[in-house]
C-alpha atoms as a PDB file:
ATOM      1  CA  UNK A   1     -21.568  -9.646  -5.616  1.00  0.00           C
ATOM      2  CA  UNK A   2     -19.141  -9.554  -8.527  1.00  0.00           C
ATOM      3  CA  UNK A   3     -16.967 -12.619  -9.165  1.00  0.00           C
ATOM      4  CA  UNK A   4     -13.218 -12.754  -8.547  1.00  0.00           C
ATOM      5  CA  UNK A   5     -11.269 -12.271 -11.781  1.00  0.00           C
ATOM      6  CA  UNK A   6      -7.657 -12.435 -12.909  1.00  0.00           C
ATOM      7  CA  UNK A   7      -6.144  -9.024 -13.695  1.00  0.00           C
ATOM      8  CA  UNK A   8      -2.645 -10.164 -14.659  1.00  0.00           C
ATOM      9  CA  UNK A   9      -0.655 -13.382 -14.481  1.00  0.00           C
ATOM     10  CA  UNK A  10       3.001 -14.346 -15.002  1.00  0.00           C
ATOM     11  CA  UNK A  11       5.062 -17.393 -14.130  1.00  0.00           C
ATOM     12  CA  UNK A  12       5.981 -15.728 -10.799  1.00  0.00           C
ATOM     13  CA  UNK A  13       2.732 -14.143  -9.599  1.00  0.00           C
ATOM     14  CA  UNK A  14      -0.976 -13.653 -10.245  1.00  0.00           C
ATOM     15  CA  UNK A  15      -3.031 -10.517  -9.563  1.00  0.00           C
ATOM     16  CA  UNK A  16      -6.752 -10.814  -8.810  1.00  0.00           C
ATOM     17  CA  UNK A  17      -9.685  -8.424  -8.497  1.00  0.00           C
ATOM     18  CA  UNK A  18     -11.347  -8.813  -5.089  1.00  0.00           C
ATOM     19  CA  UNK A  19     -14.991  -7.681  -5.026  1.00  0.00           C
ATOM     20  CA  UNK A  20     -16.330  -5.531  -2.203  1.00  0.00           C
ATOM     21  CA  UNK A  21     -18.073  -7.566   0.487  1.00  0.00           C
ATOM     22  CA  UNK A  22     -16.042 -10.744  -0.011  1.00  0.00           C
ATOM     23  CA  UNK A  23     -14.075 -11.747   3.082  1.00  0.00           C
ATOM     24  CA  UNK A  24     -10.456 -12.775   2.519  1.00  0.00           C
ATOM     25  CA  UNK A  25     -10.605 -15.839   4.802  1.00  0.00           C
ATOM     26  CA  UNK A  26     -13.720 -17.390   6.339  1.00  0.00           C
ATOM     27  CA  UNK A  27     -13.496 -20.288   8.807  1.00  0.00           C
ATOM     28  CA  UNK A  28     -17.240 -20.856   9.096  1.00  0.00           C
ATOM     29  CA  UNK A  29     -17.574 -22.854   5.903  1.00  0.00           C
ATOM     30  CA  UNK A  30     -18.774 -19.927   3.753  1.00  0.00           C
ATOM     31  CA  UNK A  31     -17.046 -19.136   0.466  1.00  0.00           C
ATOM     32  CA  UNK A  32     -14.168 -16.681   0.813  1.00  0.00           C
ATOM     33  CA  UNK A  33     -11.574 -15.023  -1.420  1.00  0.00           C
ATOM     34  CA  UNK A  34      -9.128 -17.916  -1.098  1.00  0.00           C
ATOM     35  CA  UNK A  35     -11.795 -20.438  -2.140  1.00  0.00           C
ATOM     36  CA  UNK A  36     -12.633 -18.456  -5.261  1.00  0.00           C
ATOM     37  CA  UNK A  37      -8.975 -18.028  -6.223  1.00  0.00           C
ATOM     38  CA  UNK A  38      -8.323 -21.744  -5.848  1.00  0.00           C
ATOM     39  CA  UNK A  39     -11.425 -22.523  -7.893  1.00  0.00           C
ATOM     40  CA  UNK A  40     -10.375 -20.075 -10.601  1.00  0.00           C
ATOM     41  CA  UNK A  41      -6.844 -21.512 -10.757  1.00  0.00           C
ATOM     42  CA  UNK A  42      -7.516 -25.144  -9.819  1.00  0.00           C
ATOM     43  CA  UNK A  43      -4.524 -26.452 -11.800  1.00  0.00           C
ATOM     44  CA  UNK A  44      -2.046 -24.428  -9.705  1.00  0.00           C
ATOM     45  CA  UNK A  45      -3.936 -23.789  -6.468  1.00  0.00           C
ATOM     46  CA  UNK A  46      -1.225 -25.408  -4.310  1.00  0.00           C
ATOM     47  CA  UNK A  47       1.396 -22.983  -5.701  1.00  0.00           C
ATOM     48  CA  UNK A  48      -0.532 -19.763  -4.991  1.00  0.00           C
ATOM     49  CA  UNK A  49       0.340 -17.848  -1.817  1.00  0.00           C
ATOM     50  CA  UNK A  50      -1.297 -14.535  -0.805  1.00  0.00           C
ATOM     51  CA  UNK A  51       1.267 -11.903   0.206  1.00  0.00           C
ATOM     52  CA  UNK A  52      -1.132  -9.241   1.567  1.00  0.00           C
ATOM     53  CA  UNK A  53      -4.828  -8.789   2.401  1.00  0.00           C
ATOM     54  CA  UNK A  54      -7.758  -6.438   1.917  1.00  0.00           C
ATOM     55  CA  UNK A  55     -10.649  -5.720   4.291  1.00  0.00           C
ATOM     56  CA  UNK A  56     -13.991  -7.325   3.513  1.00  0.00           C
ATOM     57  CA  UNK A  57     -15.475  -3.975   2.425  1.00  0.00           C
ATOM     58  CA  UNK A  58     -12.550  -3.080   0.143  1.00  0.00           C
ATOM     59  CA  UNK A  59     -12.431  -3.996  -3.532  1.00  0.00           C
ATOM     60  CA  UNK A  60      -9.432  -4.087  -5.818  1.00  0.00           C
ATOM     61  CA  UNK A  61      -5.994  -5.515  -6.403  1.00  0.00           C
ATOM     62  CA  UNK A  62      -4.757  -8.600  -4.516  1.00  0.00           C
ATOM     63  CA  UNK A  63      -1.360 -10.114  -5.256  1.00  0.00           C
ATOM     64  CA  UNK A  64      -0.585 -13.836  -4.988  1.00  0.00           C
ATOM     65  CA  UNK A  65       2.902 -15.310  -5.393  1.00  0.00           C
ATOM     66  CA  UNK A  66       3.575 -18.518  -7.285  1.00  0.00           C
ATOM     67  CA  UNK A  67       5.810 -20.850  -5.298  1.00  0.00           C
ATOM     68  CA  UNK A  68       7.356 -20.479  -1.852  1.00  0.00           C
ATOM     69  CA  UNK A  69      10.480 -18.660  -3.046  1.00  0.00           C
ATOM     70  CA  UNK A  70       8.463 -15.908  -4.738  1.00  0.00           C
ATOM     71  CA  UNK A  71       6.117 -15.805  -1.739  1.00  0.00           C
ATOM     72  CA  UNK A  72       9.085 -15.029   0.506  1.00  0.00           C
ATOM     73  CA  UNK A  73      10.440 -12.364  -1.850  1.00  0.00           C
ATOM     74  CA  UNK A  74       7.090 -10.650  -2.375  1.00  0.00           C
ATOM     75  CA  UNK A  75       6.137 -11.037   1.277  1.00  0.00           C
ATOM     76  CA  UNK A  76       9.227  -9.036   2.207  1.00  0.00           C
ATOM     77  CA  UNK A  77       8.149  -6.265  -0.190  1.00  0.00           C
ATOM     78  CA  UNK A  78       5.081  -5.743   1.993  1.00  0.00           C
ATOM     79  CA  UNK A  79       6.673  -6.620   5.336  1.00  0.00           C
ATOM     80  CA  UNK A  80       9.317  -3.908   4.930  1.00  0.00           C
ATOM     81  CA  UNK A  81       6.926  -1.407   3.271  1.00  0.00           C
ATOM     82  CA  UNK A  82       8.779  -1.433  -0.036  1.00  0.00           C
ATOM     83  CA  UNK A  83       5.650  -2.211  -2.059  1.00  0.00           C
ATOM     84  CA  UNK A  84       3.785   0.989  -2.997  1.00  0.00           C
ATOM     85  CA  UNK A  85      -0.016   1.161  -2.943  1.00  0.00           C
ATOM     86  CA  UNK A  86      -2.597   3.730  -3.970  1.00  0.00           C
ATOM     87  CA  UNK A  87      -6.251   3.490  -2.931  1.00  0.00           C
ATOM     88  CA  UNK A  88      -9.240   5.636  -3.855  1.00  0.00           C
ATOM     89  CA  UNK A  89     -12.224   6.461  -1.659  1.00  0.00           C
ATOM     90  CA  UNK A  90     -15.279   8.715  -1.600  1.00  0.00           C
ATOM     91  CA  UNK A  91     -16.570  10.889   1.233  1.00  0.00           C
ATOM     92  CA  UNK A  92     -19.318  13.495   1.408  1.00  0.00           C
ATOM     93  CA  UNK A  93     -18.321  14.990   4.749  1.00  0.00           C
ATOM     94  CA  UNK A  94     -16.651  18.366   5.300  1.00  0.00           C
ATOM     95  CA  UNK A  95     -13.236  17.580   6.750  1.00  0.00           C
ATOM     96  CA  UNK A  96     -10.262  19.561   7.962  1.00  0.00           C
ATOM     97  CA  UNK A  97      -7.809  19.371   5.045  1.00  0.00           C
ATOM     98  CA  UNK A  98      -8.055  18.617   1.317  1.00  0.00           C
ATOM     99  CA  UNK A  99      -4.669  16.849   1.478  1.00  0.00           C
ATOM    100  CA  UNK A 100      -2.255  15.874   4.210  1.00  0.00           C
ATOM    101  CA  UNK A 101      -0.113  13.331   5.981  1.00  0.00           C
ATOM    102  CA  UNK A 102      -1.544  11.401   8.934  1.00  0.00           C
ATOM    103  CA  UNK A 103       0.691   9.587  11.401  1.00  0.00           C
ATOM    104  CA  UNK A 104      -0.015   7.856  14.690  1.00  0.00           C
ATOM    105  CA  UNK A 105      -0.146   4.555  16.523  1.00  0.00           C
ATOM    106  CA  UNK A 106      -3.245   2.396  16.048  1.00  0.00           C
ATOM    107  CA  UNK A 107      -5.204   1.396  19.138  1.00  0.00           C
ATOM    108  CA  UNK A 108      -8.122  -1.000  19.475  1.00  0.00           C
ATOM    109  CA  UNK A 109     -11.495   0.636  19.983  1.00  0.00           C
ATOM    110  CA  UNK A 110     -14.914  -0.823  20.655  1.00  0.00           C
ATOM    111  CA  UNK A 111     -16.711  -3.475  18.624  1.00  0.00           C
ATOM    112  CA  UNK A 112     -13.758  -4.367  16.418  1.00  0.00           C
ATOM    113  CA  UNK A 113     -12.869  -0.806  15.461  1.00  0.00           C
ATOM    114  CA  UNK A 114      -9.494   0.910  15.643  1.00  0.00           C
ATOM    115  CA  UNK A 115      -8.536   4.484  16.491  1.00  0.00           C
ATOM    116  CA  UNK A 116      -5.575   6.770  15.963  1.00  0.00           C
ATOM    117  CA  UNK A 117      -3.450   7.562  19.012  1.00  0.00           C
ATOM    118  CA  UNK A 118      -1.290  10.624  19.632  1.00  0.00           C
ATOM    119  CA  UNK A 119       1.813   8.471  20.142  1.00  0.00           C
ATOM    120  CA  UNK A 120       4.163   7.427  17.323  1.00  0.00           C
ATOM    121  CA  UNK A 121       6.024   4.389  18.679  1.00  0.00           C
ATOM    122  CA  UNK A 122       5.026   2.158  15.750  1.00  0.00           C
ATOM    123  CA  UNK A 123       2.838   4.491  13.706  1.00  0.00           C
ATOM    124  CA  UNK A 124       0.508   3.995  10.783  1.00  0.00           C
ATOM    125  CA  UNK A 125       1.544   6.513   8.129  1.00  0.00           C
ATOM    126  CA  UNK A 126      -0.829   7.684   5.411  1.00  0.00           C
ATOM    127  CA  UNK A 127      -0.596  10.400   2.745  1.00  0.00           C
ATOM    128  CA  UNK A 128      -3.688  11.618   0.915  1.00  0.00           C
ATOM    129  CA  UNK A 129      -4.994  14.243  -1.479  1.00  0.00           C
ATOM    130  CA  UNK A 130      -8.442  14.823  -2.976  1.00  0.00           C
ATOM    131  CA  UNK A 131     -10.482  16.157  -5.888  1.00  0.00           C
ATOM    132  CA  UNK A 132     -13.910  17.746  -5.712  1.00  0.00           C
ATOM    133  CA  UNK A 133     -16.833  15.919  -7.336  1.00  0.00           C
ATOM    134  CA  UNK A 134     -19.206  18.753  -6.433  1.00  0.00           C
ATOM    135  CA  UNK A 135     -20.812  18.762  -9.888  1.00  0.00           C
ATOM    136  CA  UNK A 136     -21.682  15.117  -9.351  1.00  0.00           C
ATOM    137  CA  UNK A 137     -23.010  15.609  -5.822  1.00  0.00           C
ATOM    138  CA  UNK A 138     -22.771  18.469  -3.346  1.00  0.00           C
ATOM    139  CA  UNK A 139     -19.879  17.985  -0.914  1.00  0.00           C
ATOM    140  CA  UNK A 140     -18.629  14.776  -2.564  1.00  0.00           C
ATOM    141  CA  UNK A 141     -14.851  14.341  -2.807  1.00  0.00           C
ATOM    142  CA  UNK A 142     -12.638  11.677  -4.388  1.00  0.00           C
ATOM    143  CA  UNK A 143      -9.645  10.766  -2.234  1.00  0.00           C
ATOM    144  CA  UNK A 144      -6.341   9.366  -3.419  1.00  0.00           C
ATOM    145  CA  UNK A 145      -4.624   7.583  -0.534  1.00  0.00           C
ATOM    146  CA  UNK A 146      -1.067   6.301  -0.322  1.00  0.00           C
ATOM    147  CA  UNK A 147      -0.511   4.199   2.824  1.00  0.00           C
ATOM    148  CA  UNK A 148       3.170   3.957   3.698  1.00  0.00           C
ATOM    149  CA  UNK A 149       2.534   1.205   6.244  1.00  0.00           C
ATOM    150  CA  UNK A 150      -0.009  -1.615   6.186  1.00  0.00           C
ATOM    151  CA  UNK A 151      -2.023  -1.627   9.403  1.00  0.00           C
ATOM    152  CA  UNK A 152      -5.514  -3.058   9.918  1.00  0.00           C
ATOM    153  CA  UNK A 153      -8.209  -0.502   8.917  1.00  0.00           C
ATOM    154  CA  UNK A 154      -5.434   2.076   8.458  1.00  0.00           C
ATOM    155  CA  UNK A 155      -7.006   4.052   5.607  1.00  0.00           C
ATOM    156  CA  UNK A 156     -10.498   3.993   7.093  1.00  0.00           C
ATOM    157  CA  UNK A 157      -9.200   5.287  10.430  1.00  0.00           C
ATOM    158  CA  UNK A 158      -6.921   7.893   8.816  1.00  0.00           C
ATOM    159  CA  UNK A 159      -9.678   9.460   6.738  1.00  0.00           C
ATOM    160  CA  UNK A 160     -12.090   9.467   9.666  1.00  0.00           C
ATOM    161  CA  UNK A 161      -9.486  11.246  11.809  1.00  0.00           C
ATOM    162  CA  UNK A 162      -9.197  13.895   9.066  1.00  0.00           C
ATOM    163  CA  UNK A 163     -12.973  14.389   9.151  1.00  0.00           C
ATOM    164  CA  UNK A 164     -13.723  12.308   6.036  1.00  0.00           C
ATOM    165  CA  UNK A 165     -15.326   8.987   7.002  1.00  0.00           C
ATOM    166  CA  UNK A 166     -15.638   6.842   3.889  1.00  0.00           C
ATOM    167  CA  UNK A 167     -19.025   6.731   2.224  1.00  0.00           C
ATOM    168  CA  UNK A 168     -20.849   3.495   3.061  1.00  0.00           C
ATOM    169  CA  UNK A 169     -18.434   2.415   5.806  1.00  0.00           C
ATOM    170  CA  UNK A 170     -20.580   0.763   8.512  1.00  0.00           C
ATOM    171  CA  UNK A 171     -17.810   0.846  11.128  1.00  0.00           C
ATOM    172  CA  UNK A 172     -16.403   4.360  10.791  1.00  0.00           C
ATOM    173  CA  UNK A 173     -19.354   6.294   9.368  1.00  0.00           C
ATOM    174  CA  UNK A 174     -22.916   6.660  10.647  1.00  0.00           C
ATOM    175  CA  UNK A 175     -24.435   3.190  10.332  1.00  0.00           C
ATOM    176  CA  UNK A 176     -27.852   4.511   9.361  1.00  0.00           C
ATOM    177  CA  UNK A 177     -26.274   6.346   6.402  1.00  0.00           C
ATOM    178  CA  UNK A 178     -23.841   3.602   5.489  1.00  0.00           C
ATOM    179  CA  UNK A 179     -26.566   0.981   5.106  1.00  0.00           C
ATOM    180  CA  UNK A 180     -28.222   3.103   2.405  1.00  0.00           C
ATOM    181  CA  UNK A 181     -25.148   2.858   0.146  1.00  0.00           C
ATOM    182  CA  UNK A 182     -24.617  -0.016  -2.292  1.00  0.00           C
ATOM    183  CA  UNK A 183     -21.051  -0.549  -0.999  1.00  0.00           C
ATOM    184  CA  UNK A 184     -18.222   0.928   1.078  1.00  0.00           C
ATOM    185  CA  UNK A 185     -16.426   3.261  -1.314  1.00  0.00           C
ATOM    186  CA  UNK A 186     -12.821   2.144  -0.826  1.00  0.00           C
ATOM    187  CA  UNK A 187     -10.868   0.539  -3.667  1.00  0.00           C
ATOM    188  CA  UNK A 188      -7.265  -0.707  -3.995  1.00  0.00           C
ATOM    189  CA  UNK A 189      -6.438   1.017  -7.281  1.00  0.00           C
ATOM    190  CA  UNK A 190      -2.716   0.552  -7.890  1.00  0.00           C
ATOM    191  CA  UNK A 191       0.210  -1.556  -6.731  1.00  0.00           C
ATOM    192  CA  UNK A 192       3.913  -1.248  -7.471  1.00  0.00           C
ATOM    193  CA  UNK A 193       6.456  -3.847  -6.363  1.00  0.00           C
ATOM    194  CA  UNK A 194       9.819  -5.340  -7.287  1.00  0.00           C
ATOM    195  CA  UNK A 195      10.658  -8.970  -7.966  1.00  0.00           C
ATOM    196  CA  UNK A 196      13.933 -10.420  -9.256  1.00  0.00           C
ATOM    197  CA  UNK A 197      15.377  -6.978 -10.058  1.00  0.00           C
ATOM    198  CA  UNK A 198      12.302  -5.939 -12.043  1.00  0.00           C
ATOM    199  CA  UNK A 199       9.646  -3.373 -11.167  1.00  0.00           C
ATOM    200  CA  UNK A 200       5.958  -4.056 -11.826  1.00  0.00           C
ATOM    201  CA  UNK A 201       2.998  -1.664 -11.733  1.00  0.00           C
ATOM    202  CA  UNK A 202      -0.625  -2.819 -11.707  1.00  0.00           C
ATOM    203  CA  UNK A 203      -3.603  -0.453 -12.038  1.00  0.00           C
ATOM    204  CA  UNK A 204      -7.227  -1.622 -12.006  1.00  0.00           C
ATOM    205  CA  UNK A 205     -10.266   0.663 -11.773  1.00  0.00           C
ATOM    206  CA  UNK A 206     -13.385  -0.036  -9.692  1.00  0.00           C
ATOM    207  CA  UNK A 207     -15.914  -2.358 -11.324  1.00  0.00           C
ATOM    208  CA  UNK A 208     -18.762  -1.878  -8.845  1.00  0.00           C
ATOM    209  CA  UNK A 209     -20.535   0.872  -6.940  1.00  0.00           C
ATOM    210  CA  UNK A 210     -22.853   3.336  -8.709  1.00  0.00           C
ATOM    211  CA  UNK A 211     -20.865   6.358  -7.529  1.00  0.00           C
ATOM    212  CA  UNK A 212     -17.502   4.959  -8.623  1.00  0.00           C
ATOM    213  CA  UNK A 213     -19.024   4.068 -12.009  1.00  0.00           C
ATOM    214  CA  UNK A 214     -20.489   7.534 -12.507  1.00  0.00           C
ATOM    215  CA  UNK A 215     -18.862   8.948 -15.704  1.00  0.00           C
ATOM    216  CA  UNK A 216     -17.526  12.029 -13.890  1.00  0.00           C
ATOM    217  CA  UNK A 217     -15.903   9.967 -11.146  1.00  0.00           C
ATOM    218  CA  UNK A 218     -14.446   7.471 -13.617  1.00  0.00           C
ATOM    219  CA  UNK A 219     -13.121  10.266 -15.824  1.00  0.00           C
ATOM    220  CA  UNK A 220     -11.398  11.841 -12.803  1.00  0.00           C
ATOM    221  CA  UNK A 221      -9.858   8.490 -11.921  1.00  0.00           C
ATOM    222  CA  UNK A 222      -8.551   7.843 -15.426  1.00  0.00           C
ATOM    223  CA  UNK A 223      -7.162  11.377 -15.825  1.00  0.00           C
ATOM    224  CA  UNK A 224      -4.444  10.339 -13.369  1.00  0.00           C
ATOM    225  CA  UNK A 225      -2.746   7.910 -15.723  1.00  0.00           C
ATOM    226  CA  UNK A 226      -0.021   7.139 -13.211  1.00  0.00           C
ATOM    227  CA  UNK A 227      -1.407   7.248  -9.644  1.00  0.00           C
ATOM    228  CA  UNK A 228       2.118   7.066  -8.224  1.00  0.00           C
ATOM    229  CA  UNK A 229       3.030  10.334  -9.963  1.00  0.00           C
ATOM    230  CA  UNK A 230       0.353  12.280  -8.079  1.00  0.00           C
ATOM    231  CA  UNK A 231       1.710  15.057  -5.807  1.00  0.00           C
ATOM    232  CA  UNK A 232       1.151  13.316  -2.485  1.00  0.00           C
ATOM    233  CA  UNK A 233       2.272  15.282   0.582  1.00  0.00           C
ATOM    234  CA  UNK A 234       5.846  14.492   1.489  1.00  0.00           C
ATOM    235  CA  UNK A 235       5.972  11.561   3.858  1.00  0.00           C
ATOM    236  CA  UNK A 236       7.910  11.553   7.097  1.00  0.00           C
ATOM    237  CA  UNK A 237      10.306   8.661   7.706  1.00  0.00           C
ATOM    238  CA  UNK A 238       9.111   5.998  10.123  1.00  0.00           C
ATOM    239  CA  UNK A 239      11.174   4.395  12.930  1.00  0.00           C
ATOM    240  CA  UNK A 240      12.447   1.595  10.653  1.00  0.00           C
ATOM    241  CA  UNK A 241      13.523   4.046   7.952  1.00  0.00           C
ATOM    242  CA  UNK A 242      15.249   6.306  10.499  1.00  0.00           C
ATOM    243  CA  UNK A 243      17.165   3.323  11.871  1.00  0.00           C
ATOM    244  CA  UNK A 244      18.096   2.211   8.355  1.00  0.00           C
ATOM    245  CA  UNK A 245      19.304   5.720   7.464  1.00  0.00           C
ATOM    246  CA  UNK A 246      21.457   5.895  10.611  1.00  0.00           C
ATOM    247  CA  UNK A 247      23.041   2.534   9.866  1.00  0.00           C
ATOM    248  CA  UNK A 248      23.700   3.581   6.275  1.00  0.00           C
ATOM    249  CA  UNK A 249      25.512   6.739   7.465  1.00  0.00           C
ATOM    250  CA  UNK A 250      27.738   4.664   9.756  1.00  0.00           C
ATOM    251  CA  UNK A 251      28.760   2.326   6.946  1.00  0.00           C
ATOM    252  CA  UNK A 252      31.159   3.788   4.350  1.00  0.00           C
ATOM    253  CA  UNK A 253      30.014   3.597   0.743  1.00  0.00           C
ATOM    254  CA  UNK A 254      31.738   1.345  -1.823  1.00  0.00           C
ATOM    255  CA  UNK A 255      33.658   4.278  -3.291  1.00  0.00           C
ATOM    256  CA  UNK A 256      34.700   5.404   0.187  1.00  0.00           C
ATOM    257  CA  UNK A 257      35.920   1.900   1.060  1.00  0.00           C
ATOM    258  CA  UNK A 258      37.906   1.752  -2.188  1.00  0.00           C
ATOM    259  CA  UNK A 259      39.488   5.127  -1.437  1.00  0.00           C
ATOM    260  CA  UNK A 260      40.371   4.084   2.113  1.00  0.00           C
ATOM    261  CA  UNK A 261      41.981   0.869   0.844  1.00  0.00           C
ATOM    262  CA  UNK A 262      44.060   2.805  -1.720  1.00  0.00           C
ATOM    263  CA  UNK A 263      45.281   5.242   0.939  1.00  0.00           C
ATOM    264  CA  UNK A 264      46.218   2.384   3.234  1.00  0.00           C
ATOM    265  CA  UNK A 265      48.194   0.627   0.485  1.00  0.00           C
ATOM    266  CA  UNK A 266      49.982   3.865  -0.422  1.00  0.00           C
ATOM    267  CA  UNK A 267      50.920   4.439   3.211  1.00  0.00           C
ATOM    268  CA  UNK A 268      52.308   0.899   3.531  1.00  0.00           C
ATOM    269  CA  UNK A 269      54.421   1.339   0.370  1.00  0.00           C
ATOM    270  CA  UNK A 270      55.944   4.542   1.772  1.00  0.00           C
ATOM    271  CA  UNK A 271      56.979   2.735   4.937  1.00  0.00           C
ATOM    272  CA  UNK A 272      58.780   0.051   2.872  1.00  0.00           C
ATOM    273  CA  UNK A 273      60.856   2.548   0.879  1.00  0.00           C
ATOM    274  CA  UNK A 274      64.517   3.287   1.766  1.00  0.00           C
ATOM    275  CA  UNK A 275      66.041   6.747   1.565  1.00  0.00           C
ATOM    276  CA  UNK A 276      67.381   5.808  -1.868  1.00  0.00           C
ATOM    277  CA  UNK A 277      63.917   5.162  -3.187  1.00  0.00           C
ATOM    278  CA  UNK A 278      64.223   1.388  -3.486  1.00  0.00           C
ATOM    279  CA  UNK A 279      61.660  -0.969  -2.029  1.00  0.00           C
ATOM    280  CA  UNK A 280      63.002  -3.585   0.416  1.00  0.00           C
END
């Protein structure tokens, strides 16, 4: 397993590379992601707070805040789905669509798995598109995934529901096939968030997995210089966004409030005037 490494660090946050196969938190005494981060940054371990998580099988970007104030600010970026994320995955199955938008509630399945429901009371929302890697391997596709929400196993369930179980995924792909792969091919590629009125974008390419490291796959990944500029299918607003939009429509804008106040003042001045034009 590859070691945890620092991707970027400022006085407000630190970004780490999480290797595939490393659990985020382990209560059995085994080494986990938090242990390695604290070991790597021993001089400031007490000030580092994780603001999101990745599945054990997923590699890639993990953001930690420095200090409780920044932890609260960055935590809200993820809690209210303001932070933007792009993942990449590989699948060699023949699915239904090459791109699309998947929406549905998440329900618990058997043996720790999740499944997509037909209801949309509190839905997981995922946009994706893909590129063919047929010249690398017959039927192989590279998927770019933009999760709008952050549910457990969301991406893995979304791609399976579209007919593209992720290569090497022991829970959502055939176990006999998954065990032959050197990893689950899901990677947190890019993260965009705001902190203290500034926007930050982090991109970090996979460092492990023979298929990810294949020159053709890596070239395809790097051709998209800005993953957030990719033409993802238009996303549908979720319940929280719909509610926020309704509330925004009810509240007058700043310019509207200023105009209303000016009209009110003008009306009051007219009432004070006498027929002769003088103000009482």
